[in-house]
Amino acid sequence: MRIIEFIKRLFHREKTIEIKQKKDLNPPKKMKQKKDLNPPKKIKQTYVAKSTNYLDEQLDLFKTIQPGHLVFCRMPVCEDNLVDINNPHRIRPFLIIKKDKEYLYGYAGSTKKKNPKIQYTLKDGHKDKKTGTFSDSYLYLNNVYRIPIQNIKGILKQVSNKDLIQIQRKIQLLKNSDVYHIDLFENIEFTFEIGDIVEYKSSLYFLSKIQGDKIYGYICSNTNGNIELKGLNLFINTDMERKIKPDPHGLKYIFNMNVNRYVNKQLKKENKEVLELKEDAYISRNVSYYNYYPIGTILKDINTDEEIVYLFHYQRIPRCAKMEELYNDSYSVWQFTPKYFDVEDELTINGIKDMLEGFLSKKSRMKEVNKPFIPILEMEYKKLKKQTKKVR
């Protein structure tokens, strides 16, 4: 009996070992399927077929295609990865951003809206093969595909310049965030717009005016200013407008048209309040005025480099003194057009004091051009004396 039991145990042990070995040789099917369904992303990004097996028609299309074209292409991924993509989605629109002798480079379009941060909505960017109807396409701007000639299927359309500029702006915004592997168009320059918030010399500015290659902005701060940008933790100081020259390739900005509309609305409200309050603020001998810049602000003509010193606004018209005349002890009040001037510097307290004393001298008082403004200049001089007393 003992011998029979020993033989049974030995036979059971050998069978157990054989089953275990079979399990090791055949891992669960689920693991294999999961691995096949989720190939490493690098395979998609690094795969590039050689542009050799193409038709003459495809070569003709390749020669025609330029950056800015929306082109139908077979997805430039290896065959193993195409298995995981539904057949209708293997051919999709690509927005071409550049090309070389053998390849196109572009952003892929999709009918699915997934992540607004990295997508741009392109109107009528998709065409249904069965119905022929157009629908919106969502361009993924976080990855550039390298497309060989044999993958080209046809040109859908030329994307409008307006869309290309906005796509370029969104790409630039992504370049300043945590999204990588993106490129700018090779033939479209970046453009600034009023309402952009840009970084210039370690300070933030709200772009208020653009004249050709001349850009002006109000300085922004996270502590104080005339206008609060809700949700951005920023304040805009509209007291002084400065000329700035940011580099588009190093630009960091927050772009939001709603912000621009909000600021314009607040600026109109602020200017209206200034005009309403000016009579209560400064009144003397039936003369009313207000200050847009601090008195003594030095402005420079953007065309001639002539320097002037801001004095005050009278009847909504800005008045100034010419720097060249002040150097020669000649004092006259002049009008100027703010849009042709940008802020350059400011006079010291003593410089403002000397200027006002010059305007109030007997010789200057007798000038016809100065007579209407003597009461205003007297008030400014009194205000300056009070300020200097407080400092002491």
Protein backbone atom coordinates (compact mmCIF):
# COMPACT_ATOMS: atom_id res chain seq x y z
CA MET A 1 0.00 0.00 0.00
CA ARG A 2 2.79 2.40 0.88
CA ILE A 3 4.47 1.74 -2.47
CA ILE A 4 1.21 2.48 -4.35
CA GLU A 5 0.70 5.77 -2.44
CA PHE A 6 4.31 6.83 -3.13
CA ILE A 7 3.84 6.17 -6.90
CA LYS A 8 0.58 8.25 -6.90
CA ARG A 9 2.29 11.23 -5.15
CA LEU A 10 5.22 11.09 -7.57
CA PHE A 11 2.87 11.01 -10.58
CA HIS A 12 0.85 13.99 -9.17
CA ARG A 13 4.03 16.03 -8.58
CA GLU A 14 5.26 15.49 -12.17
CA LYS A 15 1.86 16.55 -13.54
CA THR A 16 1.89 19.73 -11.41
CA ILE A 17 5.37 20.67 -12.69
CA GLU A 18 4.25 20.08 -16.29
CA ILE A 19 1.17 22.36 -15.86
CA LYS A 20 3.30 25.10 -14.27
CA GLN A 21 5.78 24.97 -17.16
CA LYS A 22 2.88 25.30 -19.64
CA LYS A 23 1.63 28.39 -17.79
CA ASP A 24 5.07 29.99 -17.97
CA LEU A 25 5.30 29.31 -21.69
CA ASN A 26 1.82 30.76 -22.35
CA PRO A 27 1.32 34.09 -20.54
CA PRO A 28 -2.28 35.36 -20.25
CA LYS A 29 -3.76 36.60 -23.52
CA LYS A 30 -5.02 39.80 -21.88
CA MET A 31 -1.47 41.01 -21.22
CA LYS A 32 -0.51 40.42 -24.85
CA GLN A 33 -3.57 42.27 -26.14
CA LYS A 34 -2.95 45.22 -23.83
CA LYS A 35 0.64 45.47 -25.02
CA ASP A 36 -0.41 45.36 -28.69
CA LEU A 37 -3.16 47.96 -28.23
CA ASN A 38 -0.87 50.47 -26.55
CA PRO A 39 2.36 50.75 -28.54
CA PRO A 40 4.93 53.26 -27.28
CA LYS A 41 4.20 56.80 -28.51
CA LYS A 42 7.75 57.12 -29.79
CA ILE A 43 7.00 54.55 -32.51
CA LYS A 44 4.40 56.90 -34.00
CA GLN A 45 6.58 59.95 -33.71
CA THR A 46 9.87 58.53 -34.92
CA TYR A 47 8.60 56.34 -37.79
CA VAL A 48 9.38 57.85 -41.20
CA ALA A 49 8.89 55.96 -44.46
CA LYS A 50 11.23 56.74 -47.34
CA SER A 51 9.74 58.78 -50.16
CA THR A 52 10.38 56.25 -52.94
CA ASN A 53 7.26 54.21 -53.78
CA TYR A 54 5.04 57.03 -55.01
CA LEU A 55 2.99 57.65 -58.14
CA ASP A 56 3.63 60.45 -60.64
CA GLU A 57 0.32 62.04 -59.59
CA GLN A 58 1.51 62.13 -55.97
CA LEU A 59 4.77 63.76 -57.00
CA ASP A 60 2.84 66.41 -58.96
CA LEU A 61 0.71 67.12 -55.87
CA PHE A 62 3.84 67.30 -53.71
CA LYS A 63 5.32 69.96 -56.01
CA THR A 64 2.10 71.98 -55.79
CA ILE A 65 1.65 71.84 -52.02
CA GLN A 66 2.89 74.83 -50.00
CA PRO A 67 2.80 75.72 -46.28
CA GLY A 68 -0.75 76.74 -45.44
CA HIS A 69 -2.40 74.00 -47.53
CA LEU A 70 -4.77 71.52 -45.88
CA VAL A 71 -3.84 68.16 -47.40
CA PHE A 72 -5.44 64.70 -47.11
CA CYS A 73 -2.72 62.17 -46.25
CA ARG A 74 -2.48 58.61 -45.05
CA MET A 75 -1.22 58.72 -41.48
CA PRO A 76 2.61 58.44 -41.49
CA VAL A 77 2.79 55.64 -38.91
CA CYS A 78 4.02 52.08 -39.26
CA GLU A 79 1.65 49.30 -40.35
CA ASP A 80 1.55 47.71 -36.89
CA ASN A 81 0.13 50.93 -35.45
CA LEU A 82 -2.35 51.45 -38.30
CA VAL A 83 -4.04 48.19 -37.28
CA ASP A 84 -5.28 49.94 -34.14
CA ILE A 85 -6.87 52.82 -36.14
CA ASN A 86 -10.26 52.47 -37.81
CA ASN A 87 -9.96 52.37 -41.59
CA PRO A 88 -11.90 55.66 -42.27
CA HIS A 89 -9.57 57.54 -39.89
CA ARG A 90 -6.32 56.36 -41.45
CA ILE A 91 -6.57 59.18 -44.00
CA ARG A 92 -6.99 62.58 -42.38
CA PRO A 93 -6.29 66.28 -43.12
CA PHE A 94 -2.88 67.69 -42.26
CA LEU A 95 -2.11 71.41 -42.12
CA ILE A 96 1.26 71.74 -43.84
CA ILE A 97 3.70 74.09 -42.11
CA LYS A 98 6.85 73.39 -44.18
CA LYS A 99 8.37 71.04 -46.77
CA ASP A 100 11.78 69.91 -47.98
CA LYS A 101 12.89 67.92 -51.04
CA GLU A 102 11.22 64.67 -49.95
CA TYR A 103 8.78 65.31 -47.11
CA LEU A 104 5.87 67.44 -45.93
CA TYR A 105 5.59 68.50 -42.29
CA GLY A 106 2.25 69.22 -40.71
CA TYR A 107 -0.23 69.15 -37.86
CA ALA A 108 -2.91 66.43 -37.93
CA GLY A 109 -6.63 67.22 -38.00
CA SER A 110 -9.42 65.30 -36.31
CA THR A 111 -13.21 65.41 -36.01
CA LYS A 112 -12.91 64.90 -32.25
CA LYS A 113 -12.57 67.84 -29.88
CA LYS A 114 -10.45 66.61 -26.97
CA ASN A 115 -8.13 69.27 -25.56
CA PRO A 116 -8.79 72.98 -26.40
CA LYS A 117 -5.35 73.88 -25.02
CA ILE A 118 -3.52 72.09 -27.86
CA GLN A 119 -6.23 72.27 -30.55
CA TYR A 120 -7.30 74.89 -33.06
CA THR A 121 -10.80 74.76 -34.55
CA LEU A 122 -10.64 75.06 -38.34
CA LYS A 123 -13.99 75.75 -39.98
CA ASP A 124 -14.91 73.31 -42.78
CA GLY A 125 -11.64 71.43 -42.40
CA HIS A 126 -13.15 67.97 -42.83
CA LYS A 127 -15.08 66.54 -45.80
CA ASP A 128 -17.32 63.49 -45.52
CA LYS A 129 -16.61 61.08 -48.42
CA LYS A 130 -20.14 59.67 -48.50
CA THR A 131 -22.22 62.85 -48.17
CA GLY A 132 -19.69 65.43 -49.45
CA THR A 133 -20.59 67.75 -46.56
CA PHE A 134 -17.97 69.75 -44.65
CA SER A 135 -17.49 69.84 -40.90
CA ASP A 136 -15.06 71.48 -38.48
CA SER A 137 -11.61 69.99 -38.06
CA TYR A 138 -9.62 70.20 -34.84
CA LEU A 139 -5.91 70.59 -35.49
CA TYR A 140 -3.60 69.06 -32.90
CA LEU A 141 -0.76 71.54 -32.44
CA ASN A 142 1.35 69.51 -30.01
CA ASN A 143 3.04 67.25 -32.56
CA VAL A 144 4.44 67.72 -36.07
CA TYR A 145 4.25 64.75 -38.46
CA ARG A 146 6.79 64.05 -41.20
CA ILE A 147 4.82 62.89 -44.25
CA PRO A 148 6.43 61.02 -47.21
CA ILE A 149 5.23 61.66 -50.79
CA GLN A 150 3.50 58.28 -51.15
CA ASN A 151 1.14 59.17 -48.28
CA ILE A 152 -0.37 62.15 -50.11
CA LYS A 153 -3.98 61.64 -51.23
CA GLY A 154 -5.18 65.10 -52.26
CA ILE A 155 -5.35 68.83 -51.47
CA LEU A 156 -8.48 69.95 -49.64
CA LYS A 157 -7.98 73.74 -49.62
CA GLN A 158 -5.72 76.71 -48.87
CA VAL A 159 -6.28 77.80 -45.27
CA SER A 160 -7.12 81.51 -44.93
CA ASN A 161 -4.39 83.91 -43.86
CA LYS A 162 -6.53 84.95 -40.89
CA ASP A 163 -6.64 81.35 -39.62
CA LEU A 164 -2.92 80.85 -40.24
CA ILE A 165 -2.05 83.93 -38.18
CA GLN A 166 -4.25 82.77 -35.29
CA ILE A 167 -2.79 79.24 -35.48
CA GLN A 168 0.70 80.78 -35.45
CA ARG A 169 -0.24 82.78 -32.35
CA LYS A 170 -1.58 79.68 -30.58
CA ILE A 171 1.57 77.73 -31.48
CA GLN A 172 3.68 80.54 -30.00
CA LEU A 173 1.58 80.42 -26.85
CA LEU A 174 2.17 76.65 -26.60
CA LYS A 175 5.92 77.16 -27.08
CA ASN A 176 5.91 79.25 -23.90
CA SER A 177 4.03 76.59 -21.93
CA ASP A 178 4.81 72.98 -21.07
CA VAL A 179 4.04 71.62 -24.56
CA TYR A 180 7.03 70.57 -26.65
CA HIS A 181 7.80 69.20 -30.14
CA ILE A 182 5.99 71.98 -32.00
CA ASP A 183 7.17 74.21 -34.84
CA LEU A 184 6.18 77.55 -36.33
CA PHE A 185 5.26 78.08 -39.98
CA GLU A 186 8.28 78.74 -42.16
CA ASN A 187 6.63 81.46 -44.28
CA ILE A 188 4.27 83.26 -41.88
CA GLU A 189 5.57 85.89 -39.48
CA PHE A 190 4.18 86.16 -35.99
CA THR A 191 1.89 89.17 -35.51
CA PHE A 192 1.02 91.06 -32.36
CA GLU A 193 -2.49 92.27 -31.60
CA ILE A 194 -3.90 94.94 -29.31
CA GLY A 195 -4.85 93.16 -26.12
CA ASP A 196 -1.82 90.87 -25.96
CA ILE A 197 0.02 90.77 -22.67
CA VAL A 198 3.73 90.50 -23.44
CA GLU A 199 6.89 90.21 -21.39
CA TYR A 200 9.51 92.87 -22.15
CA LYS A 201 12.67 93.43 -20.06
CA SER A 202 11.26 91.29 -17.20
CA SER A 203 8.03 93.36 -17.07
CA LEU A 204 4.55 92.60 -18.39
CA TYR A 205 2.78 95.00 -20.76
CA PHE A 206 -0.76 95.19 -22.12
CA LEU A 207 -0.47 96.14 -25.81
CA SER A 208 -2.51 99.29 -26.34
CA LYS A 209 -1.42 100.53 -29.77
CA ILE A 210 0.35 99.10 -32.84
CA GLN A 211 1.65 101.33 -35.63
CA GLY A 212 3.63 99.33 -38.18
CA ASP A 213 6.69 98.02 -36.35
CA LYS A 214 6.11 100.39 -33.42
CA ILE A 215 4.36 98.79 -30.44
CA TYR A 216 3.03 100.57 -27.35
CA GLY A 217 1.75 99.17 -24.08
CA TYR A 218 0.63 99.84 -20.53
CA ILE A 219 2.72 98.27 -17.80
CA CYS A 220 1.07 95.47 -15.79
CA SER A 221 1.59 94.55 -12.16
CA ASN A 222 0.20 91.99 -9.75
CA THR A 223 -0.08 94.57 -6.97
CA ASN A 224 -1.48 97.88 -8.28
CA GLY A 225 -2.94 99.60 -11.34
CA ASN A 226 -6.02 101.37 -12.73
CA ILE A 227 -7.69 98.28 -14.22
CA GLU A 228 -7.88 94.84 -12.65
CA LEU A 229 -7.83 91.85 -15.01
CA LYS A 230 -10.07 89.43 -13.18
CA GLY A 231 -8.90 85.84 -13.28
CA LEU A 232 -5.36 86.79 -14.33
CA ASN A 233 -4.26 88.40 -11.04
CA LEU A 234 -2.95 91.39 -13.00
CA PHE A 235 -3.51 95.15 -12.87
CA ILE A 236 -2.98 97.53 -15.81
CA ASN A 237 -1.50 100.95 -15.14
CA THR A 238 -2.99 103.24 -17.80
CA ASP A 239 -1.27 106.40 -16.54
CA MET A 240 1.73 105.92 -18.81
CA GLU A 241 1.99 104.36 -22.25
CA ARG A 242 5.46 103.10 -23.22
CA LYS A 243 7.08 102.04 -26.48
CA ILE A 244 8.26 98.42 -26.37
CA LYS A 245 10.17 96.18 -28.76
CA PRO A 246 9.63 92.54 -27.75
CA ASP A 247 11.24 89.70 -29.70
CA PRO A 248 8.45 87.50 -31.13
CA HIS A 249 10.57 84.35 -30.75
CA GLY A 250 11.07 85.00 -27.03
CA LEU A 251 7.54 86.25 -26.45
CA LYS A 252 5.59 85.14 -23.41
CA TYR A 253 2.03 86.33 -23.39
CA ILE A 254 -1.49 85.68 -22.15
CA PHE A 255 -3.89 86.14 -25.03
CA ASN A 256 -7.63 86.54 -24.57
CA MET A 257 -9.93 88.69 -26.70
CA ASN A 258 -12.39 88.89 -23.81
CA VAL A 259 -9.65 90.51 -21.76
CA ASN A 260 -9.12 93.07 -24.53
CA ARG A 261 -12.83 93.94 -24.68
CA TYR A 262 -12.97 94.22 -20.89
CA VAL A 263 -9.99 96.58 -20.80
CA ASN A 264 -11.37 98.78 -23.59
CA LYS A 265 -14.66 99.03 -21.73
CA GLN A 266 -12.86 99.99 -18.52
CA LEU A 267 -10.69 102.55 -20.36
CA LYS A 268 -13.79 104.26 -21.81
CA LYS A 269 -15.36 104.30 -18.37
CA GLU A 270 -12.17 105.69 -16.81
CA ASN A 271 -11.78 108.47 -19.43
CA LYS A 272 -15.43 109.43 -19.00
CA GLU A 273 -14.97 109.69 -15.23
CA VAL A 274 -11.86 111.86 -15.70
CA LEU A 275 -13.74 114.28 -17.94
CA GLU A 276 -16.67 114.44 -15.51
CA LEU A 277 -14.45 115.00 -12.49
CA LYS A 278 -11.99 117.46 -14.01
CA GLU A 279 -14.10 120.53 -13.10
CA ASP A 280 -14.33 119.39 -9.48
CA ALA A 281 -10.67 118.49 -9.29
CA TYR A 282 -8.95 121.59 -10.65
CA ILE A 283 -10.81 124.87 -11.01
CA SER A 284 -9.37 128.36 -10.88
CA ARG A 285 -10.60 131.58 -12.49
CA ASN A 286 -13.05 129.60 -14.66
CA VAL A 287 -10.24 127.45 -16.11
CA SER A 288 -10.53 123.63 -15.91
CA TYR A 289 -7.91 121.02 -16.85
CA TYR A 290 -6.67 117.53 -16.02
CA ASN A 291 -3.44 115.52 -16.09
CA TYR A 292 -3.14 112.45 -18.36
CA TYR A 293 0.61 112.00 -17.66
CA PRO A 294 2.38 113.31 -14.56
CA ILE A 295 3.52 116.85 -15.23
CA GLY A 296 7.17 116.83 -16.31
CA THR A 297 6.91 113.60 -18.34
CA ILE A 298 9.33 113.75 -21.28
CA LEU A 299 7.92 112.49 -24.60
CA LYS A 300 9.77 111.88 -27.86
CA ASP A 301 8.40 112.26 -31.40
CA ILE A 302 8.48 108.80 -33.05
CA ASN A 303 9.30 110.37 -36.44
CA THR A 304 11.66 113.29 -35.70
CA ASP A 305 13.01 112.40 -32.21
CA GLU A 306 11.99 115.87 -31.00
CA GLU A 307 11.56 115.92 -27.19
CA ILE A 308 8.73 117.71 -25.39
CA VAL A 309 7.61 118.00 -21.75
CA TYR A 310 3.99 117.22 -20.91
CA LEU A 311 2.11 119.93 -18.97
CA PHE A 312 -1.65 119.22 -18.86
CA HIS A 313 -4.85 118.62 -20.88
CA TYR A 314 -6.95 121.70 -21.53
CA GLN A 315 -10.31 121.39 -23.32
CA ARG A 316 -9.37 117.75 -24.04
CA ILE A 317 -6.27 118.89 -25.94
CA PRO A 318 -2.81 117.93 -24.58
CA ARG A 319 -0.38 120.81 -23.99
CA CYS A 320 3.40 120.71 -23.71
CA ALA A 321 6.64 122.70 -23.65
CA LYS A 322 9.42 122.08 -26.16
CA MET A 323 12.63 120.77 -24.61
CA GLU A 324 14.82 122.76 -27.01
CA GLU A 325 13.12 126.01 -25.96
CA LEU A 326 13.50 125.20 -22.26
CA TYR A 327 17.25 124.77 -22.76
CA ASN A 328 17.26 128.36 -24.13
CA ASP A 329 15.09 129.75 -21.27
CA SER A 330 12.17 130.26 -23.62
CA TYR A 331 8.76 129.20 -22.30
CA SER A 332 5.71 128.64 -24.49
CA VAL A 333 2.71 126.31 -24.25
CA TRP A 334 2.10 124.17 -27.33
CA GLN A 335 -0.41 121.56 -28.49
CA PHE A 336 0.72 118.06 -29.54
CA THR A 337 -0.76 114.80 -30.87
CA PRO A 338 -0.11 111.94 -28.37
CA LYS A 339 -0.20 109.15 -30.99
CA TYR A 340 3.04 110.45 -32.52
CA PHE A 341 4.90 110.49 -29.20
CA ASP A 342 6.08 107.87 -26.74
CA VAL A 343 7.28 108.24 -23.16
CA GLU A 344 11.01 108.74 -22.92
CA ASP A 345 11.82 109.96 -19.39
CA GLU A 346 10.70 112.48 -16.76
CA LEU A 347 12.05 115.68 -15.22
CA THR A 348 13.29 115.71 -11.65
CA ILE A 349 11.33 117.64 -9.00
CA ASN A 350 13.85 120.49 -9.28
CA GLY A 351 13.55 120.40 -13.07
CA ILE A 352 9.75 120.75 -12.88
CA LYS A 353 10.13 123.57 -10.32
CA ASP A 354 12.55 125.49 -12.56
CA MET A 355 10.26 125.01 -15.57
CA LEU A 356 7.17 126.29 -13.74
CA GLU A 357 9.07 129.28 -12.34
CA GLY A 358 10.19 130.06 -15.89
CA PHE A 359 6.58 129.97 -17.13
CA LEU A 360 5.50 132.26 -14.28
CA SER A 361 8.25 134.82 -14.85
CA LYS A 362 7.17 138.30 -15.97
CA LYS A 363 8.50 137.79 -19.52
CA SER A 364 6.58 134.53 -20.00
CA ARG A 365 3.36 135.90 -18.50
CA MET A 366 3.29 138.57 -21.20
CA LYS A 367 3.30 136.02 -24.07
CA GLU A 368 -0.11 135.79 -25.75
CA VAL A 369 0.28 132.01 -26.18
CA ASN A 370 0.75 131.57 -22.40
CA LYS A 371 -1.87 133.97 -20.96
CA PRO A 372 -4.87 131.53 -20.94
CA PHE A 373 -2.80 128.96 -19.02
CA ILE A 374 -1.17 131.10 -16.29
CA PRO A 375 -3.84 130.10 -13.68
CA ILE A 376 -3.21 126.40 -14.42
CA LEU A 377 0.56 126.80 -14.15
CA GLU A 378 0.10 128.68 -10.83
CA MET A 379 -1.98 125.80 -9.47
CA GLU A 380 0.62 123.25 -10.56
CA TYR A 381 3.33 125.30 -8.86
CA LYS A 382 1.32 125.42 -5.61
CA LYS A 383 0.76 121.65 -5.78
CA LEU A 384 4.49 121.08 -6.28
CA LYS A 385 5.38 123.27 -3.29
CA LYS A 386 2.98 121.30 -1.08
CA GLN A 387 4.53 118.00 -2.25
CA THR A 388 8.08 119.17 -1.50
CA LYS A 389 7.02 120.36 1.98
CA LYS A 390 5.56 116.92 2.79
CA VAL A 391 8.78 115.24 1.66
CA ARG A 392 10.83 117.44 3.98
